[in-house]
Protein backbone atom coordinates (compact mmCIF):
# COMPACT_ATOMS: atom_id res chain seq x y z
CA UNK A 1 -14.27 9.70 8.69
CA UNK A 2 -11.87 11.79 6.66
CA UNK A 3 -13.26 15.02 5.29
CA UNK A 4 -10.94 17.76 4.10
CA UNK A 5 -8.53 15.80 1.90
CA UNK A 6 -11.13 13.75 0.09
CA UNK A 7 -13.00 16.87 -0.97
CA UNK A 8 -10.14 17.87 -3.27
CA UNK A 9 -11.29 17.11 -6.85
CA UNK A 10 -9.32 14.17 -8.23
CA UNK A 11 -10.54 15.02 -11.71
CA UNK A 12 -8.25 18.10 -11.93
CA UNK A 13 -4.81 16.76 -10.85
CA UNK A 14 -2.95 18.59 -13.63
CA UNK A 15 -4.06 21.98 -12.35
CA UNK A 16 -2.82 21.25 -8.86
CA UNK A 17 0.49 19.78 -9.96
CA UNK A 18 1.22 22.65 -12.32
CA UNK A 19 0.49 25.29 -9.70
CA UNK A 20 2.74 23.64 -7.12
CA UNK A 21 5.60 22.36 -9.29
CA UNK A 22 7.75 25.47 -8.79
CA UNK A 23 7.60 24.93 -5.04
CA UNK A 24 8.79 21.33 -5.04
CA UNK A 25 10.95 20.85 -1.96
CA UNK A 26 11.91 17.33 -3.03
CA UNK A 27 13.81 17.65 -6.32
CA UNK A 28 13.58 14.60 -8.52
CA UNK A 29 10.42 13.32 -6.82
CA UNK A 30 6.72 14.02 -6.48
CA UNK A 31 6.02 13.12 -2.85
CA UNK A 32 2.84 12.61 -0.82
CA UNK A 33 2.92 12.26 2.97
CA UNK A 34 -0.10 12.04 5.26
CA UNK A 35 -0.15 11.51 9.03
CA UNK A 36 -3.74 11.15 10.22
CA UNK A 37 -4.90 11.22 13.85
CA UNK A 38 -7.60 8.56 14.00
CA UNK A 39 -9.09 9.77 17.29
CA UNK A 40 -9.16 13.50 16.52
CA UNK A 41 -9.98 12.82 12.85
CA UNK A 42 -7.56 15.39 11.52
CA UNK A 43 -4.19 15.48 9.83
CA UNK A 44 -1.04 16.00 11.89
CA UNK A 45 0.87 16.62 8.68
CA UNK A 46 0.03 16.82 4.99
CA UNK A 47 2.79 17.18 2.43
CA UNK A 48 1.62 17.95 -1.10
CA UNK A 49 -2.12 17.24 -0.69
CA UNK A 50 -2.50 17.65 -4.46
CA UNK A 51 -0.08 14.75 -5.01
CA UNK A 52 -2.03 12.72 -2.44
CA UNK A 53 -5.05 12.90 -4.76
CA UNK A 54 -3.12 11.22 -7.61
CA UNK A 55 -3.87 7.56 -8.16
CA UNK A 56 -0.92 5.20 -8.55
CA UNK A 57 -0.72 1.43 -9.07
CA UNK A 58 -1.36 -0.17 -5.68
CA UNK A 59 1.72 -2.43 -5.96
CA UNK A 60 2.31 -4.53 -2.85
CA UNK A 61 0.16 -2.31 -0.64
CA UNK A 62 -2.66 -4.31 -2.28
CA UNK A 63 -1.68 -7.20 -0.03
CA UNK A 64 -3.49 -5.41 2.82
CA UNK A 65 -6.99 -5.51 1.31
CA UNK A 66 -6.18 -8.84 -0.35
CA UNK A 67 -5.43 -10.30 3.08
CA UNK A 68 -8.82 -9.14 4.38
CA UNK A 69 -10.52 -10.69 1.34
CA UNK A 70 -8.61 -13.95 1.71
CA UNK A 71 -9.30 -14.39 5.43
CA UNK A 72 -12.94 -13.37 4.98
CA UNK A 73 -13.49 -15.85 2.13
CA UNK A 74 -11.56 -18.62 3.97
CA UNK A 75 -8.91 -18.92 1.27
CA UNK A 76 -6.63 -18.18 4.20
CA UNK A 77 -7.80 -20.21 7.18
CA UNK A 78 -5.35 -18.67 9.65
CA UNK A 79 -1.89 -17.12 9.86
CA UNK A 80 -0.28 -20.53 9.29
CA UNK A 81 -2.08 -21.40 6.03
CA UNK A 82 0.67 -22.90 3.87
CA UNK A 83 1.56 -22.26 0.22
CA UNK A 84 4.00 -24.72 -1.34
CA UNK A 85 6.76 -23.31 -3.52
CA UNK A 86 6.75 -24.95 -6.96
CA UNK A 87 10.51 -24.69 -7.42
CA UNK A 88 10.43 -21.76 -9.84
CA UNK A 89 13.52 -19.65 -9.13
CA UNK A 90 12.73 -16.01 -8.33
CA UNK A 91 15.19 -13.12 -8.26
CA UNK A 92 14.15 -12.25 -4.70
CA UNK A 93 15.68 -15.05 -2.63
CA UNK A 94 13.17 -15.13 0.28
CA UNK A 95 10.45 -16.05 -2.24
CA UNK A 96 12.17 -19.34 -3.07
CA UNK A 97 10.58 -21.46 -0.36
CA UNK A 98 7.22 -22.44 1.10
CA UNK A 99 5.29 -19.61 2.73
CA UNK A 100 2.58 -19.14 5.30
CA UNK A 101 0.04 -16.32 5.26
CA UNK A 102 2.19 -14.50 7.80
CA UNK A 103 5.46 -14.85 5.86
CA UNK A 104 3.65 -13.95 2.60
CA UNK A 105 2.92 -10.53 4.04
CA UNK A 106 6.32 -10.16 5.73
CA UNK A 107 8.33 -11.06 2.61
CA UNK A 108 5.83 -9.52 0.17
CA UNK A 109 5.71 -12.68 -1.96
CA UNK A 110 4.06 -11.97 -5.30
CA UNK A 111 3.60 -15.60 -6.33
CA UNK A 112 1.53 -16.26 -3.21
CA UNK A 113 -0.74 -13.31 -4.05
CA UNK A 114 -1.11 -14.79 -7.52
CA UNK A 115 -2.27 -18.08 -6.00
CA UNK A 116 -4.71 -16.36 -3.66
CA UNK A 117 -6.51 -14.15 -6.18
CA UNK A 118 -7.82 -16.94 -8.48
CA UNK A 119 -9.09 -18.82 -5.43
CA UNK A 120 -11.16 -15.81 -4.38
CA UNK A 121 -12.35 -15.28 -7.95
CA UNK A 122 -12.90 -12.21 -10.09
CA UNK A 123 -16.54 -11.48 -9.24
CA UNK A 124 -16.02 -11.80 -5.51
CA UNK A 125 -12.91 -9.64 -5.66
CA UNK A 126 -14.83 -6.97 -7.55
CA UNK A 127 -17.49 -7.04 -4.82
CA UNK A 128 -14.83 -6.63 -2.13
CA UNK A 129 -13.17 -3.72 -3.95
CA UNK A 130 -16.51 -1.99 -4.37
CA UNK A 131 -17.48 -2.54 -0.72
CA UNK A 132 -14.04 -1.37 0.46
CA UNK A 133 -14.23 1.67 -1.88
CA UNK A 134 -10.66 0.76 -2.81
CA UNK A 135 -9.27 3.23 -5.32
CA UNK A 136 -10.61 2.87 -8.86
CA UNK A 137 -11.77 -0.73 -8.15
CA UNK A 138 -10.43 -1.78 -11.58
CA UNK A 139 -9.38 -5.42 -12.05
CA UNK A 140 -9.28 -5.27 -15.85
CA UNK A 141 -5.52 -5.89 -15.78
CA UNK A 142 -6.16 -9.45 -14.68
CA UNK A 143 -6.40 -11.38 -11.42
CA UNK A 144 -2.63 -11.92 -11.32
CA UNK A 145 -1.38 -8.55 -12.52
CA UNK A 146 -3.92 -5.75 -11.98
CA UNK A 147 -2.07 -4.19 -9.03
CA UNK A 148 1.49 -4.72 -10.35
CA UNK A 149 3.80 -2.69 -12.54
CA UNK A 150 6.77 -3.83 -14.57
CA UNK A 151 9.51 -5.12 -12.25
CA UNK A 152 12.71 -7.17 -12.41
CA UNK A 153 10.81 -10.24 -11.21
CA UNK A 154 7.94 -9.87 -13.75
CA UNK A 155 8.46 -10.82 -17.38
CA UNK A 156 4.91 -9.94 -18.43
CA UNK A 157 4.12 -6.54 -20.00
CA UNK A 158 2.66 -3.86 -17.72
CA UNK A 159 -1.05 -4.41 -17.25
CA UNK A 160 -1.63 -2.47 -14.05
CA UNK A 161 -5.20 -1.22 -13.73
CA UNK A 162 -5.88 -1.16 -9.98
CA UNK A 163 -4.87 2.28 -8.76
CA UNK A 164 -5.40 4.23 -5.56
CA UNK A 165 -4.45 7.63 -4.19
CA UNK A 166 -2.75 8.41 -0.90
CA UNK A 167 -5.96 10.02 0.38
CA UNK A 168 -7.95 6.92 -0.56
CA UNK A 169 -5.40 4.72 1.21
CA UNK A 170 -5.99 6.70 4.41
CA UNK A 171 -9.75 6.23 4.10
CA UNK A 172 -9.38 2.47 3.52
CA UNK A 173 -6.89 2.09 6.39
CA UNK A 174 -9.19 3.99 8.75
CA UNK A 175 -12.07 1.65 7.90
CA UNK A 176 -9.81 -1.34 8.56
CA UNK A 177 -8.53 0.10 11.84
CA UNK A 178 -12.08 0.78 13.03
CA UNK A 179 -13.17 -2.71 11.83
CA UNK A 180 -15.72 -1.07 9.55
CA UNK A 181 -14.96 -3.01 6.36
CA UNK A 182 -17.61 -5.32 4.97
CA UNK A 183 -15.72 -8.40 6.18
CA UNK A 184 -15.55 -10.42 9.37
CA UNK A 185 -13.89 -8.91 12.42
CA UNK A 186 -11.57 -11.93 12.46
CA UNK A 187 -10.42 -11.22 8.89
CA UNK A 188 -9.68 -7.59 9.78
CA UNK A 189 -7.96 -8.45 13.07
CA UNK A 190 -5.77 -11.12 11.49
CA UNK A 191 -4.73 -8.82 8.66
CA UNK A 192 -3.57 -6.21 11.16
CA UNK A 193 -1.72 -8.89 13.12
CA UNK A 194 0.34 -10.11 10.16
CA UNK A 195 1.56 -6.68 9.07
CA UNK A 196 5.27 -6.28 9.75
CA UNK A 197 5.62 -4.48 13.08
CA UNK A 198 8.16 -3.04 15.49
CA UNK A 199 8.37 -0.99 18.68
CA UNK A 200 9.54 2.60 18.30
CA UNK A 201 11.81 4.42 20.79
CA UNK A 202 8.71 6.14 22.22
CA UNK A 203 7.08 2.72 22.69
CA UNK A 204 4.55 3.03 19.88
CA UNK A 205 3.57 0.01 17.82
CA UNK A 206 4.54 0.69 14.20
CA UNK A 207 3.23 -1.61 11.50
CA UNK A 208 2.61 -1.38 7.80
CA UNK A 209 3.29 -2.44 4.24
CA UNK A 210 5.62 -1.14 1.57
CA UNK A 211 4.96 -1.20 -2.15
CA UNK A 212 7.36 -0.77 -5.06
CA UNK A 213 6.88 -0.37 -8.78
CA UNK A 214 8.05 1.42 -11.88
CA UNK A 215 6.51 3.94 -14.25
CA UNK A 216 8.51 2.86 -17.30
CA UNK A 217 9.51 -0.42 -19.00
CA UNK A 218 13.20 0.42 -18.48
CA UNK A 219 12.61 0.49 -14.68
CA UNK A 220 14.39 3.82 -14.18
CA UNK A 221 11.43 5.79 -12.81
CA UNK A 222 10.22 4.35 -9.54
CA UNK A 223 6.97 4.30 -7.60
CA UNK A 224 7.28 3.94 -3.81
CA UNK A 225 4.58 3.33 -1.21
CA UNK A 226 4.32 2.92 2.53
CA UNK A 227 0.98 2.52 4.31
CA UNK A 228 0.62 1.77 7.99
CA UNK A 229 -0.24 2.54 11.56
CA UNK A 230 1.35 3.98 14.69
CA UNK A 231 -0.41 3.42 17.98
CA UNK A 232 -0.14 3.02 21.73
CA UNK A 233 -2.84 2.74 24.42
CA UNK A 234 -3.79 6.40 24.08
CA UNK A 235 -3.25 7.36 20.44
CA UNK A 236 -3.64 5.93 16.94
CA UNK A 237 -2.31 7.34 13.68
CA UNK A 238 -2.43 6.31 10.04
CA UNK A 239 0.64 7.03 7.92
CA UNK A 240 0.69 7.03 4.12
CA UNK A 241 3.69 7.97 2.02
CA UNK A 242 4.20 7.66 -1.71
CA UNK A 243 6.42 9.12 -4.39
CA UNK A 244 7.19 8.93 -8.07
CA UNK A 245 10.59 9.74 -9.53
CA UNK A 246 10.62 12.66 -11.94
CA UNK A 247 14.22 11.97 -12.96
CA UNK A 248 15.60 8.64 -14.10
CA UNK A 249 17.56 6.70 -11.48
CA UNK A 250 20.75 5.10 -12.74
CA UNK A 251 21.19 3.01 -9.58
CA UNK A 252 17.74 1.76 -8.81
CA UNK A 253 16.62 0.63 -5.36
CA UNK A 254 13.05 -0.44 -4.68
CA UNK A 255 10.88 2.58 -3.91
CA UNK A 256 8.95 1.05 -1.00
CA UNK A 257 11.95 1.12 1.31
CA UNK A 258 12.56 4.79 0.56
CA UNK A 259 8.88 5.66 1.08
CA UNK A 260 8.99 3.95 4.48
CA UNK A 261 12.17 5.82 5.45
CA UNK A 262 10.52 9.11 4.51
CA UNK A 263 7.48 8.26 6.64
CA UNK A 264 9.66 7.42 9.65
CA UNK A 265 11.60 10.67 9.24
CA UNK A 266 8.39 12.69 9.31
CA UNK A 267 7.15 10.82 12.38
CA UNK A 268 10.43 11.68 14.10
CA UNK A 269 10.05 15.35 13.15
CA UNK A 270 6.54 15.30 14.66
CA UNK A 271 7.88 13.78 17.90
CA UNK A 272 5.90 10.59 17.26
CA UNK A 273 8.75 8.09 16.90
């Protein structure tokens, strides 16, 4: 399991950020990037380890543990489990149709997540979060909103409570990859299977999940996440990237896409793409 990063004290993030702020190589952003070699149990690259200790709202990266919970509890029977669209028009067009478990993950459909969580139930979800050691394990923001921030497709006020750091994401993803979560092997396997995937030029399998959110009600300061895996027959890596804007963005794109692009760039620089 991961050792060196998780020993950094999360309780003193301000000290770390202050000491490193003058050396920020990414103006306008606080960035975390971790590439972890699962077999050697060390980090190929760590960018801003102090930032990787900072907890952020999980956003749509929460769909990864939620998928494990849902398959384990049989809310999702298989990849084809169907959710019927109720006709409510959403600003993201791919959400405006029926979805399966597989397309829920692919299209990152919030309304499907919000149908899944009440079916699992609050107490059972709390047990899963505790067993998975998932971030701060805090569902106080509600079963339908705890992991979300304000967004163009959400009219509710910000109630995000479920937060996780980049380092904690790596630990959770390693447990999932090794099938060490307190859930059935089938639930863990199926979750990995439905993550969006592609083949890289070096013939690695690359799969993962983006997450996007905002720090402010005006939606001008973004949060971006990417969490995922890179593997072939010989090697397996975990990749986690996140950032927060430190300057307001006048033309706002979702942060998850940018976090994924940053992760891919760093894999290319490490000759892993």
